[in-house]
N, C-alpha and C. Protein backbone atom coordinates (compact mmCIF):
# COMPACT_ATOMS: atom_id res chain seq x y z
N UNK A 1 44.45 25.87 89.53
CA UNK A 1 45.55 26.14 88.60
C UNK A 1 46.83 26.46 89.37
N UNK A 2 47.98 26.08 88.82
CA UNK A 2 49.23 26.38 89.51
C UNK A 2 49.54 27.87 89.47
N UNK A 3 50.35 28.33 90.42
CA UNK A 3 50.79 29.72 90.40
C UNK A 3 51.77 29.90 89.24
N UNK A 4 52.02 31.16 88.87
CA UNK A 4 52.97 31.43 87.79
C UNK A 4 54.36 30.91 88.14
N UNK A 5 54.74 31.05 89.40
CA UNK A 5 56.06 30.57 89.84
C UNK A 5 56.14 29.06 89.73
N UNK A 6 55.08 28.38 90.18
CA UNK A 6 55.05 26.92 90.11
C UNK A 6 55.07 26.45 88.66
N UNK A 7 54.34 27.15 87.81
CA UNK A 7 54.28 26.80 86.39
C UNK A 7 55.65 26.97 85.73
N UNK A 8 56.34 28.04 86.08
CA UNK A 8 57.67 28.29 85.53
C UNK A 8 58.65 27.20 85.96
N UNK A 9 58.60 26.83 87.24
CA UNK A 9 59.49 25.78 87.75
C UNK A 9 59.15 24.43 87.12
N UNK A 10 57.86 24.19 86.90
CA UNK A 10 57.43 22.93 86.28
C UNK A 10 57.98 22.80 84.87
N UNK A 11 57.86 23.86 84.08
CA UNK A 11 58.35 23.82 82.70
C UNK A 11 59.87 23.68 82.65
N UNK A 12 60.55 24.32 83.58
CA UNK A 12 62.01 24.22 83.63
C UNK A 12 62.44 22.80 83.97
N UNK A 13 61.73 22.19 84.92
CA UNK A 13 62.06 20.82 85.31
C UNK A 13 61.73 19.83 84.19
N UNK A 14 60.65 20.07 83.47
CA UNK A 14 60.32 19.21 82.33
C UNK A 14 61.42 19.26 81.28
N UNK A 15 61.99 20.43 81.06
CA UNK A 15 63.12 20.57 80.11
C UNK A 15 64.32 19.75 80.58
N UNK A 16 64.60 19.78 81.88
CA UNK A 16 65.71 19.01 82.44
C UNK A 16 65.44 17.51 82.29
N UNK A 17 64.20 17.12 82.54
CA UNK A 17 63.83 15.71 82.38
C UNK A 17 63.97 15.28 80.92
N UNK A 18 63.55 16.13 80.00
CA UNK A 18 63.67 15.81 78.57
C UNK A 18 65.12 15.55 78.18
N UNK A 19 66.03 16.37 78.68
CA UNK A 19 67.45 16.21 78.36
C UNK A 19 67.98 14.89 78.89
N UNK A 20 67.63 14.56 80.12
CA UNK A 20 68.10 13.31 80.72
C UNK A 20 67.46 12.10 80.06
N UNK A 21 66.17 12.20 79.75
CA UNK A 21 65.47 11.11 79.07
C UNK A 21 66.11 10.82 77.71
N UNK A 22 66.44 11.87 76.97
CA UNK A 22 67.06 11.70 75.65
C UNK A 22 68.40 10.98 75.78
N UNK A 23 69.17 11.34 76.81
CA UNK A 23 70.48 10.71 77.03
C UNK A 23 70.33 9.23 77.39
N UNK A 24 69.40 8.93 78.29
CA UNK A 24 69.17 7.54 78.69
C UNK A 24 68.65 6.70 77.53
N UNK A 25 67.75 7.28 76.77
CA UNK A 25 67.15 6.56 75.64
C UNK A 25 68.20 6.24 74.58
N UNK A 26 69.08 7.19 74.34
CA UNK A 26 70.14 6.98 73.35
C UNK A 26 71.03 5.81 73.75
N UNK A 27 71.39 5.75 75.03
CA UNK A 27 72.28 4.68 75.49
C UNK A 27 71.55 3.34 75.52
N UNK A 28 70.29 3.34 75.96
CA UNK A 28 69.51 2.09 76.00
C UNK A 28 69.36 1.53 74.59
N UNK A 29 69.05 2.40 73.63
CA UNK A 29 68.86 1.95 72.25
C UNK A 29 70.18 1.46 71.65
N UNK A 30 71.27 2.14 71.98
CA UNK A 30 72.58 1.76 71.46
C UNK A 30 72.93 0.33 71.87
N UNK A 31 72.76 0.03 73.16
CA UNK A 31 73.11 -1.31 73.66
C UNK A 31 72.08 -2.35 73.26
N UNK A 32 70.83 -1.94 73.11
CA UNK A 32 69.80 -2.89 72.66
C UNK A 32 70.09 -3.35 71.24
N UNK A 33 70.65 -2.45 70.43
CA UNK A 33 70.93 -2.79 69.03
C UNK A 33 72.18 -3.64 68.86
N UNK A 34 72.94 -3.83 69.94
CA UNK A 34 74.11 -4.72 69.90
C UNK A 34 73.67 -6.17 69.81
N UNK A 35 72.57 -6.47 70.48
CA UNK A 35 72.08 -7.85 70.59
C UNK A 35 70.86 -8.05 69.69
N UNK A 36 70.86 -9.08 68.85
CA UNK A 36 69.73 -9.31 67.93
C UNK A 36 68.39 -9.48 68.64
N UNK A 37 68.38 -10.18 69.76
CA UNK A 37 67.13 -10.40 70.50
C UNK A 37 66.60 -9.10 71.09
N UNK A 38 67.50 -8.32 71.67
CA UNK A 38 67.09 -7.03 72.24
C UNK A 38 66.62 -6.08 71.14
N UNK A 39 67.32 -6.13 70.01
CA UNK A 39 66.94 -5.25 68.90
C UNK A 39 65.54 -5.59 68.40
N UNK A 40 65.25 -6.88 68.28
CA UNK A 40 63.91 -7.29 67.84
C UNK A 40 62.84 -6.87 68.84
N UNK A 41 63.17 -7.01 70.12
CA UNK A 41 62.23 -6.61 71.17
C UNK A 41 61.95 -5.11 71.10
N UNK A 42 63.01 -4.33 70.92
CA UNK A 42 62.86 -2.88 70.84
C UNK A 42 62.02 -2.49 69.62
N UNK A 43 62.31 -3.13 68.48
CA UNK A 43 61.55 -2.84 67.26
C UNK A 43 60.07 -3.21 67.43
N UNK A 44 59.84 -4.31 68.13
CA UNK A 44 58.46 -4.75 68.37
C UNK A 44 57.72 -3.73 69.23
N UNK A 45 58.41 -3.16 70.21
CA UNK A 45 57.78 -2.14 71.07
C UNK A 45 57.42 -0.90 70.26
N UNK A 46 58.28 -0.57 69.31
CA UNK A 46 58.07 0.63 68.49
C UNK A 46 56.80 0.52 67.63
N UNK A 47 56.47 -0.71 67.25
CA UNK A 47 55.32 -0.90 66.36
C UNK A 47 54.00 -0.95 67.12
N UNK A 48 54.06 -1.03 68.43
CA UNK A 48 52.84 -1.12 69.23
C UNK A 48 52.43 0.27 69.73
N UNK A 49 51.16 0.42 69.91
CA UNK A 49 50.63 1.71 70.37
C UNK A 49 50.69 1.76 71.90
N UNK A 50 51.91 1.90 72.41
CA UNK A 50 52.14 1.90 73.85
C UNK A 50 52.81 3.20 74.27
N UNK A 51 52.55 3.66 75.49
CA UNK A 51 53.30 4.82 76.00
C UNK A 51 54.79 4.49 76.02
N UNK A 52 55.62 5.50 75.87
CA UNK A 52 57.07 5.27 75.82
C UNK A 52 57.58 4.58 77.08
N UNK A 53 57.05 4.96 78.25
CA UNK A 53 57.52 4.32 79.48
C UNK A 53 57.21 2.83 79.47
N UNK A 54 56.07 2.44 78.88
CA UNK A 54 55.69 1.02 78.82
C UNK A 54 56.60 0.26 77.86
N UNK A 55 57.02 0.91 76.78
CA UNK A 55 57.94 0.28 75.84
C UNK A 55 59.24 -0.10 76.54
N UNK A 56 59.76 0.82 77.35
CA UNK A 56 61.03 0.54 78.02
C UNK A 56 60.86 -0.35 79.24
N UNK A 57 59.68 -0.37 79.82
CA UNK A 57 59.39 -1.34 80.88
C UNK A 57 59.42 -2.75 80.29
N UNK A 58 58.82 -2.92 79.12
CA UNK A 58 58.81 -4.22 78.45
C UNK A 58 60.22 -4.62 78.02
N UNK A 59 60.99 -3.66 77.51
CA UNK A 59 62.37 -3.94 77.10
C UNK A 59 63.20 -4.35 78.31
N UNK A 60 63.00 -3.66 79.41
CA UNK A 60 63.73 -3.99 80.65
C UNK A 60 63.44 -5.41 81.10
N UNK A 61 62.16 -5.78 81.11
CA UNK A 61 61.78 -7.13 81.54
C UNK A 61 62.35 -8.19 80.61
N UNK A 62 62.37 -7.90 79.31
CA UNK A 62 62.94 -8.85 78.36
C UNK A 62 64.44 -9.00 78.58
N UNK A 63 65.12 -7.88 78.80
CA UNK A 63 66.58 -7.91 78.98
C UNK A 63 66.98 -8.70 80.22
N UNK A 64 66.11 -8.76 81.21
CA UNK A 64 66.40 -9.52 82.43
C UNK A 64 66.51 -11.02 82.16
N UNK A 65 65.85 -11.48 81.11
CA UNK A 65 65.86 -12.92 80.81
C UNK A 65 66.70 -13.24 79.57
N UNK A 66 67.33 -12.23 79.00
CA UNK A 66 68.18 -12.43 77.83
C UNK A 66 69.54 -12.96 78.30
N UNK A 67 70.41 -13.33 77.37
CA UNK A 67 71.69 -13.94 77.76
C UNK A 67 72.90 -13.18 77.24
N UNK A 68 72.80 -11.86 77.18
CA UNK A 68 73.93 -11.06 76.74
C UNK A 68 74.50 -10.33 77.96
N UNK A 69 75.64 -10.80 78.43
CA UNK A 69 76.20 -10.25 79.68
C UNK A 69 76.71 -8.83 79.53
N UNK A 70 76.95 -8.40 78.31
CA UNK A 70 77.43 -7.04 78.08
C UNK A 70 76.26 -6.07 77.98
N UNK A 71 75.33 -6.38 77.10
CA UNK A 71 74.24 -5.44 76.81
C UNK A 71 73.14 -5.44 77.86
N UNK A 72 72.78 -6.62 78.35
CA UNK A 72 71.60 -6.73 79.23
C UNK A 72 71.64 -5.83 80.47
N UNK A 73 72.75 -5.86 81.25
CA UNK A 73 72.75 -5.02 82.47
C UNK A 73 72.59 -3.53 82.17
N UNK A 74 73.18 -3.07 81.08
CA UNK A 74 73.10 -1.65 80.74
C UNK A 74 71.70 -1.30 80.25
N UNK A 75 71.11 -2.16 79.43
CA UNK A 75 69.74 -1.92 78.95
C UNK A 75 68.76 -1.92 80.12
N UNK A 76 68.94 -2.84 81.05
CA UNK A 76 68.07 -2.90 82.23
C UNK A 76 68.20 -1.62 83.05
N UNK A 77 69.44 -1.20 83.31
CA UNK A 77 69.70 -0.01 84.12
C UNK A 77 69.14 1.26 83.47
N UNK A 78 69.43 1.43 82.18
CA UNK A 78 68.97 2.64 81.48
C UNK A 78 67.44 2.65 81.36
N UNK A 79 66.87 1.50 81.07
CA UNK A 79 65.41 1.41 80.92
C UNK A 79 64.71 1.67 82.24
N UNK A 80 65.29 1.15 83.32
CA UNK A 80 64.71 1.36 84.65
C UNK A 80 64.62 2.85 84.97
N UNK A 81 65.70 3.57 84.70
CA UNK A 81 65.71 5.01 84.95
C UNK A 81 64.75 5.74 84.00
N UNK A 82 64.73 5.30 82.75
CA UNK A 82 63.83 5.90 81.77
C UNK A 82 62.37 5.81 82.19
N UNK A 83 61.97 4.64 82.65
CA UNK A 83 60.58 4.43 83.06
C UNK A 83 60.19 5.41 84.16
N UNK A 84 61.06 5.55 85.15
CA UNK A 84 60.78 6.44 86.28
C UNK A 84 60.71 7.90 85.83
N UNK A 85 61.67 8.33 85.02
CA UNK A 85 61.70 9.74 84.60
C UNK A 85 60.58 10.07 83.62
N UNK A 86 60.22 9.13 82.78
CA UNK A 86 59.08 9.36 81.87
C UNK A 86 57.79 9.51 82.66
N UNK A 87 57.65 8.74 83.73
CA UNK A 87 56.47 8.89 84.59
C UNK A 87 56.49 10.23 85.30
N UNK A 88 57.67 10.64 85.76
CA UNK A 88 57.80 11.96 86.41
C UNK A 88 57.36 13.07 85.45
N UNK A 89 57.84 12.99 84.22
CA UNK A 89 57.48 14.00 83.22
C UNK A 89 55.97 14.02 82.98
N UNK A 90 55.39 12.84 82.86
CA UNK A 90 53.95 12.74 82.62
C UNK A 90 53.14 13.33 83.77
N UNK A 91 53.54 13.02 85.00
CA UNK A 91 52.83 13.56 86.17
C UNK A 91 52.94 15.09 86.20
N UNK A 92 54.12 15.61 85.88
CA UNK A 92 54.30 17.06 85.88
C UNK A 92 53.44 17.74 84.82
N UNK A 93 53.44 17.17 83.62
CA UNK A 93 52.64 17.75 82.53
C UNK A 93 51.15 17.74 82.87
N UNK A 94 50.68 16.61 83.39
CA UNK A 94 49.26 16.49 83.71
C UNK A 94 48.87 17.36 84.90
N UNK A 95 49.82 17.57 85.82
CA UNK A 95 49.51 18.32 87.04
C UNK A 95 49.18 19.78 86.76
N UNK A 96 49.59 20.28 85.60
CA UNK A 96 49.30 21.67 85.24
C UNK A 96 47.79 21.89 85.16
N UNK A 97 47.07 20.88 84.69
CA UNK A 97 45.61 21.00 84.52
C UNK A 97 44.82 20.06 85.44
N UNK A 98 45.52 19.11 86.08
CA UNK A 98 44.82 18.10 86.87
C UNK A 98 45.53 17.89 88.20
N UNK A 99 44.91 18.39 89.27
CA UNK A 99 45.52 18.25 90.59
C UNK A 99 45.61 16.79 91.01
N UNK A 100 44.72 15.96 90.47
CA UNK A 100 44.76 14.53 90.77
C UNK A 100 46.07 13.90 90.31
N UNK A 101 46.61 14.37 89.18
CA UNK A 101 47.88 13.86 88.67
C UNK A 101 49.02 14.22 89.62
N UNK A 102 48.95 15.41 90.20
CA UNK A 102 49.97 15.83 91.16
C UNK A 102 49.94 14.93 92.39
N UNK A 103 48.75 14.57 92.83
CA UNK A 103 48.62 13.69 93.99
C UNK A 103 49.11 12.28 93.67
N UNK A 104 48.74 11.78 92.49
CA UNK A 104 49.19 10.44 92.09
C UNK A 104 50.71 10.39 91.94
N UNK A 105 51.27 11.44 91.33
CA UNK A 105 52.71 11.50 91.16
C UNK A 105 53.44 11.57 92.49
N UNK A 106 52.90 12.36 93.39
CA UNK A 106 53.49 12.48 94.72
C UNK A 106 53.46 11.14 95.45
N UNK A 107 52.34 10.43 95.34
CA UNK A 107 52.22 9.10 95.97
C UNK A 107 53.21 8.11 95.35
N UNK A 108 53.33 8.15 94.03
CA UNK A 108 54.25 7.25 93.32
C UNK A 108 55.69 7.48 93.78
N UNK A 109 56.10 8.74 93.86
CA UNK A 109 57.47 9.04 94.26
C UNK A 109 57.70 8.78 95.74
N UNK A 110 56.68 9.02 96.56
CA UNK A 110 56.81 8.69 97.98
C UNK A 110 57.07 7.20 98.17
N UNK A 111 56.36 6.38 97.40
CA UNK A 111 56.56 4.93 97.51
C UNK A 111 57.95 4.53 97.02
N UNK A 112 58.44 5.24 95.99
CA UNK A 112 59.78 4.95 95.47
C UNK A 112 60.85 5.31 96.48
N UNK A 113 60.71 6.49 97.09
CA UNK A 113 61.67 6.89 98.12
C UNK A 113 61.48 6.06 99.38
N UNK A 114 60.28 5.52 99.57
CA UNK A 114 59.99 4.71 100.75
C UNK A 114 60.74 3.39 100.77
N UNK A 115 61.27 2.99 99.62
CA UNK A 115 62.06 1.75 99.55
C UNK A 115 63.36 1.91 100.32
N UNK A 116 63.80 3.14 100.48
CA UNK A 116 65.07 3.42 101.17
C UNK A 116 65.06 2.82 102.58
N UNK A 117 66.17 2.22 102.93
CA UNK A 117 66.29 1.65 104.28
C UNK A 117 67.76 1.61 104.68
N UNK A 118 67.99 1.47 105.96
CA UNK A 118 69.35 1.38 106.50
C UNK A 118 69.47 0.04 107.23
N UNK A 119 70.41 -0.80 106.81
CA UNK A 119 70.52 -2.14 107.40
C UNK A 119 71.51 -2.22 108.55
N UNK A 120 71.96 -1.05 109.01
CA UNK A 120 72.92 -1.03 110.11
C UNK A 120 74.29 -0.59 109.66
N UNK A 121 74.61 -0.86 108.41
CA UNK A 121 75.91 -0.45 107.87
C UNK A 121 75.80 0.31 106.55
N UNK A 122 74.73 0.02 105.79
CA UNK A 122 74.60 0.59 104.46
C UNK A 122 73.19 1.11 104.20
N UNK A 123 73.11 2.22 103.49
CA UNK A 123 71.81 2.73 103.04
C UNK A 123 71.46 2.06 101.72
N UNK A 124 70.22 1.65 101.59
CA UNK A 124 69.74 1.03 100.35
C UNK A 124 68.64 1.90 99.76
N UNK A 125 68.70 2.09 98.45
CA UNK A 125 67.72 2.93 97.76
C UNK A 125 67.14 2.16 96.58
N UNK A 126 66.10 2.72 96.00
CA UNK A 126 65.51 2.11 94.80
C UNK A 126 66.59 1.96 93.73
N UNK A 127 66.56 0.84 93.01
CA UNK A 127 67.59 0.56 92.01
C UNK A 127 67.70 1.67 90.97
N UNK A 128 66.59 2.33 90.67
CA UNK A 128 66.61 3.40 89.67
C UNK A 128 67.46 4.59 90.10
N UNK A 129 67.75 4.69 91.40
CA UNK A 129 68.52 5.82 91.91
C UNK A 129 70.02 5.56 91.88
N UNK A 130 70.43 4.33 91.60
CA UNK A 130 71.84 3.99 91.69
C UNK A 130 72.53 4.09 90.33
N UNK A 131 73.78 4.48 90.37
CA UNK A 131 74.58 4.55 89.17
C UNK A 131 75.22 3.18 88.96
N UNK A 132 74.84 2.51 87.88
CA UNK A 132 75.31 1.14 87.65
C UNK A 132 76.83 1.07 87.52
N UNK A 133 77.45 2.15 87.06
CA UNK A 133 78.89 2.12 86.80
C UNK A 133 79.72 2.07 88.08
N UNK A 134 79.37 2.90 89.07
CA UNK A 134 80.22 2.91 90.25
C UNK A 134 79.46 3.08 91.55
N UNK A 135 78.18 2.73 91.56
CA UNK A 135 77.45 2.62 92.81
C UNK A 135 77.00 3.92 93.45
N UNK A 136 77.36 5.06 92.88
CA UNK A 136 76.94 6.33 93.46
C UNK A 136 75.51 6.64 93.02
N UNK A 137 74.93 7.66 93.63
CA UNK A 137 73.58 8.05 93.23
C UNK A 137 73.61 8.67 91.84
N UNK A 138 72.62 8.37 91.06
CA UNK A 138 72.54 8.92 89.71
C UNK A 138 71.75 10.22 89.72
N UNK A 139 71.79 10.89 88.57
CA UNK A 139 71.00 12.13 88.42
C UNK A 139 69.52 11.83 88.53
N UNK A 140 69.14 10.58 88.31
CA UNK A 140 67.73 10.18 88.40
C UNK A 140 67.17 10.47 89.78
N UNK A 141 67.94 10.19 90.80
CA UNK A 141 67.47 10.42 92.17
C UNK A 141 67.23 11.91 92.41
N UNK A 142 68.15 12.74 91.93
CA UNK A 142 68.01 14.19 92.11
C UNK A 142 66.78 14.71 91.36
N UNK A 143 66.58 14.24 90.14
CA UNK A 143 65.43 14.69 89.35
C UNK A 143 64.11 14.21 89.96
N UNK A 144 64.11 13.00 90.50
CA UNK A 144 62.91 12.49 91.17
C UNK A 144 62.61 13.30 92.42
N UNK A 145 63.67 13.67 93.13
CA UNK A 145 63.50 14.47 94.34
C UNK A 145 62.92 15.84 94.00
N UNK A 146 63.43 16.45 92.93
CA UNK A 146 62.92 17.76 92.49
C UNK A 146 61.45 17.65 92.06
N UNK A 147 61.13 16.56 91.37
CA UNK A 147 59.75 16.35 90.91
C UNK A 147 58.81 16.19 92.10
N UNK A 148 59.23 15.39 93.06
CA UNK A 148 58.39 15.16 94.24
C UNK A 148 58.14 16.46 94.99
N UNK A 149 59.18 17.26 95.14
CA UNK A 149 59.05 18.54 95.84
C UNK A 149 58.07 19.46 95.12
N UNK A 150 58.18 19.51 93.79
CA UNK A 150 57.32 20.40 93.00
C UNK A 150 55.86 19.93 93.01
N UNK A 151 55.65 18.62 92.95
CA UNK A 151 54.29 18.09 92.99
C UNK A 151 53.64 18.32 94.35
N UNK A 152 54.43 18.17 95.41
CA UNK A 152 53.91 18.44 96.76
C UNK A 152 53.54 19.92 96.89
N UNK A 153 54.36 20.78 96.30
CA UNK A 153 54.08 22.22 96.32
C UNK A 153 52.79 22.52 95.58
N UNK A 154 52.60 21.85 94.45
CA UNK A 154 51.39 22.03 93.64
C UNK A 154 50.15 21.61 94.43
N UNK A 155 50.23 20.48 95.11
CA UNK A 155 49.10 19.99 95.91
C UNK A 155 48.81 20.96 97.05
N UNK A 156 49.88 21.46 97.68
CA UNK A 156 49.74 22.38 98.81
C UNK A 156 49.06 23.68 98.38
N UNK A 157 49.50 24.22 97.24
CA UNK A 157 48.91 25.47 96.73
C UNK A 157 47.43 25.28 96.43
N UNK A 158 47.11 24.14 95.82
CA UNK A 158 45.71 23.86 95.47
C UNK A 158 44.86 23.70 96.73
N UNK A 159 45.44 23.04 97.74
CA UNK A 159 44.71 22.84 98.99
C UNK A 159 44.42 24.17 99.67
N UNK A 160 45.40 25.07 99.66
CA UNK A 160 45.20 26.39 100.26
C UNK A 160 44.13 27.18 99.51
N UNK A 161 44.16 27.08 98.17
CA UNK A 161 43.17 27.79 97.36
C UNK A 161 41.76 27.24 97.63
N UNK A 162 41.67 25.92 97.73
CA UNK A 162 40.37 25.29 97.99
C UNK A 162 39.85 25.67 99.36
N UNK A 163 40.77 25.72 100.33
CA UNK A 163 40.36 26.08 101.69
C UNK A 163 39.87 27.52 101.73
N UNK A 164 40.60 28.40 101.06
CA UNK A 164 40.19 29.81 101.02
C UNK A 164 38.83 29.96 100.35
N UNK A 165 38.62 29.22 99.27
CA UNK A 165 37.34 29.28 98.57
C UNK A 165 36.22 28.77 99.46
N UNK A 166 36.49 27.71 100.20
CA UNK A 166 35.50 27.15 101.11
C UNK A 166 35.15 28.12 102.22
N UNK A 167 36.15 28.82 102.74
CA UNK A 167 35.91 29.80 103.81
C UNK A 167 35.10 30.98 103.28
N UNK A 168 35.37 31.36 102.01
CA UNK A 168 34.62 32.47 101.43
C UNK A 168 33.15 32.10 101.28
N UNK A 169 32.90 30.84 100.86
CA UNK A 169 31.51 30.40 100.72
C UNK A 169 30.81 30.39 102.08
N UNK A 170 31.57 30.02 103.12
CA UNK A 170 31.01 30.00 104.47
C UNK A 170 30.65 31.41 104.91
N UNK A 171 31.50 32.37 104.52
CA UNK A 171 31.29 33.75 104.95
C UNK A 171 30.22 34.46 104.13
N UNK A 172 29.99 34.00 102.91
CA UNK A 172 29.07 34.69 102.01
C UNK A 172 27.67 34.93 102.58
N UNK A 173 27.02 33.95 103.23
CA UNK A 173 25.69 34.22 103.78
C UNK A 173 25.68 35.38 104.76
N UNK A 174 26.75 35.51 105.53
CA UNK A 174 26.86 36.61 106.49
C UNK A 174 26.92 37.93 105.75
N UNK A 175 27.76 37.98 104.70
CA UNK A 175 27.90 39.21 103.92
C UNK A 175 26.60 39.54 103.19
N UNK A 176 25.94 38.53 102.67
CA UNK A 176 24.66 38.75 101.98
C UNK A 176 23.61 39.33 102.92
N UNK A 177 23.61 38.82 104.14
CA UNK A 177 22.66 39.32 105.14
C UNK A 177 22.92 40.78 105.44
N UNK A 178 24.19 41.12 105.60
CA UNK A 178 24.55 42.51 105.88
C UNK A 178 24.16 43.40 104.71
N UNK A 179 24.40 42.92 103.47
CA UNK A 179 24.07 43.72 102.29
C UNK A 179 22.57 43.93 102.16
N UNK A 180 21.79 42.94 102.58
CA UNK A 180 20.32 43.08 102.49
C UNK A 180 19.82 44.19 103.41
N UNK A 181 20.60 44.47 104.47
CA UNK A 181 20.25 45.57 105.37
C UNK A 181 21.01 46.84 105.01
N UNK A 182 21.71 46.77 103.82
CA UNK A 182 22.49 47.90 103.32
C UNK A 182 23.57 48.33 104.32
N UNK A 183 24.16 47.32 104.97
CA UNK A 183 25.28 47.58 105.87
C UNK A 183 26.54 47.18 105.12
N UNK A 184 27.43 48.13 104.93
CA UNK A 184 28.66 47.84 104.19
C UNK A 184 29.86 48.06 105.09
N UNK A 185 30.95 47.44 104.70
CA UNK A 185 32.18 47.57 105.47
C UNK A 185 33.36 47.54 104.51
N UNK A 186 34.37 48.34 104.81
CA UNK A 186 35.57 48.34 103.97
C UNK A 186 36.49 47.19 104.35
N UNK A 187 36.22 46.52 105.46
CA UNK A 187 37.04 45.42 105.93
C UNK A 187 36.47 44.10 105.42
N UNK A 188 37.31 43.22 104.86
CA UNK A 188 36.81 41.91 104.43
C UNK A 188 36.48 41.05 105.63
N UNK A 189 35.67 40.04 105.41
CA UNK A 189 35.31 39.14 106.49
C UNK A 189 36.55 38.46 107.05
N UNK A 190 36.75 38.47 108.37
CA UNK A 190 37.92 37.80 108.95
C UNK A 190 37.94 36.33 108.59
N UNK A 191 36.77 35.70 108.54
CA UNK A 191 36.71 34.28 108.21
C UNK A 191 37.13 34.04 106.77
N UNK A 192 36.67 34.92 105.89
CA UNK A 192 37.00 34.76 104.47
C UNK A 192 38.46 35.03 104.20
N UNK A 193 39.11 35.77 105.09
CA UNK A 193 40.49 36.17 104.87
C UNK A 193 41.47 35.34 105.70
N UNK A 194 40.98 34.30 106.34
CA UNK A 194 41.86 33.48 107.18
C UNK A 194 42.91 32.80 106.32
N UNK A 195 44.14 32.70 106.81
CA UNK A 195 45.20 32.07 106.02
C UNK A 195 44.91 30.59 105.82
N UNK A 196 45.28 30.08 104.63
CA UNK A 196 45.09 28.66 104.37
C UNK A 196 46.15 27.83 105.05
N UNK A 197 45.91 26.54 105.12
CA UNK A 197 46.87 25.61 105.72
C UNK A 197 47.26 24.60 104.67
N UNK A 198 48.52 24.24 104.68
CA UNK A 198 48.99 23.26 103.70
C UNK A 198 48.76 21.87 104.23
C-alpha cells in the first residue's frame, strides 16, 4: 500500500489531470463538431463500450485521414494529449491498490520520454509534449513528468517494504530459536532492521 504522503500526492495529481483532461476534451469536441465527418466519428465512439482514451485514440486516427485543414490538426493534437493523460490518470488510480499498475505506468512513461533525442541542433520530444500553437512544451509534458516521478516513488516504497518484510522472514527463525530457549532481547534483530534499498 502507498504511504499517506504518496496517497495524498497521488490524489492531488489526479485532480490536476482531471482539470487538464476536461480542458483538452472540451476543445477536441468543439473542433470535432465543426466537421460532419469528425462529428459522426465522435458520436460513433460515444455509442461504443470503449475506454475514454480509446475513443480519442480512434478519433485521432480518423482525423489524420480526414480532409478538414482547420479542424483536423487541432483534433489530432488535443486527442493525442488526451490519450496520454487519460492513461496517466488510469495508472495512478490503479497504482493505489496494484503495484503492477505503477510499474506498467512507469514503463509506459519511460518509453514516451525515451523518444527524446538531440539531432545536433534541436531537441525532439514526443509529439504529445509539444504545444501545437507555438512549438513550446505543453502542460502535458509537465504532468507526465510528475506522474512518472510519483509512480517511480510508489514502486520504490513498495520495493523497500517488500525487502524489509523479506529480511524479517529471514530473521524470524533466529528469533524463534531464541524464544524457544526463553532468551529475550530488547534490541530488534539487526538483519530485520536493515534499511531497504530502492
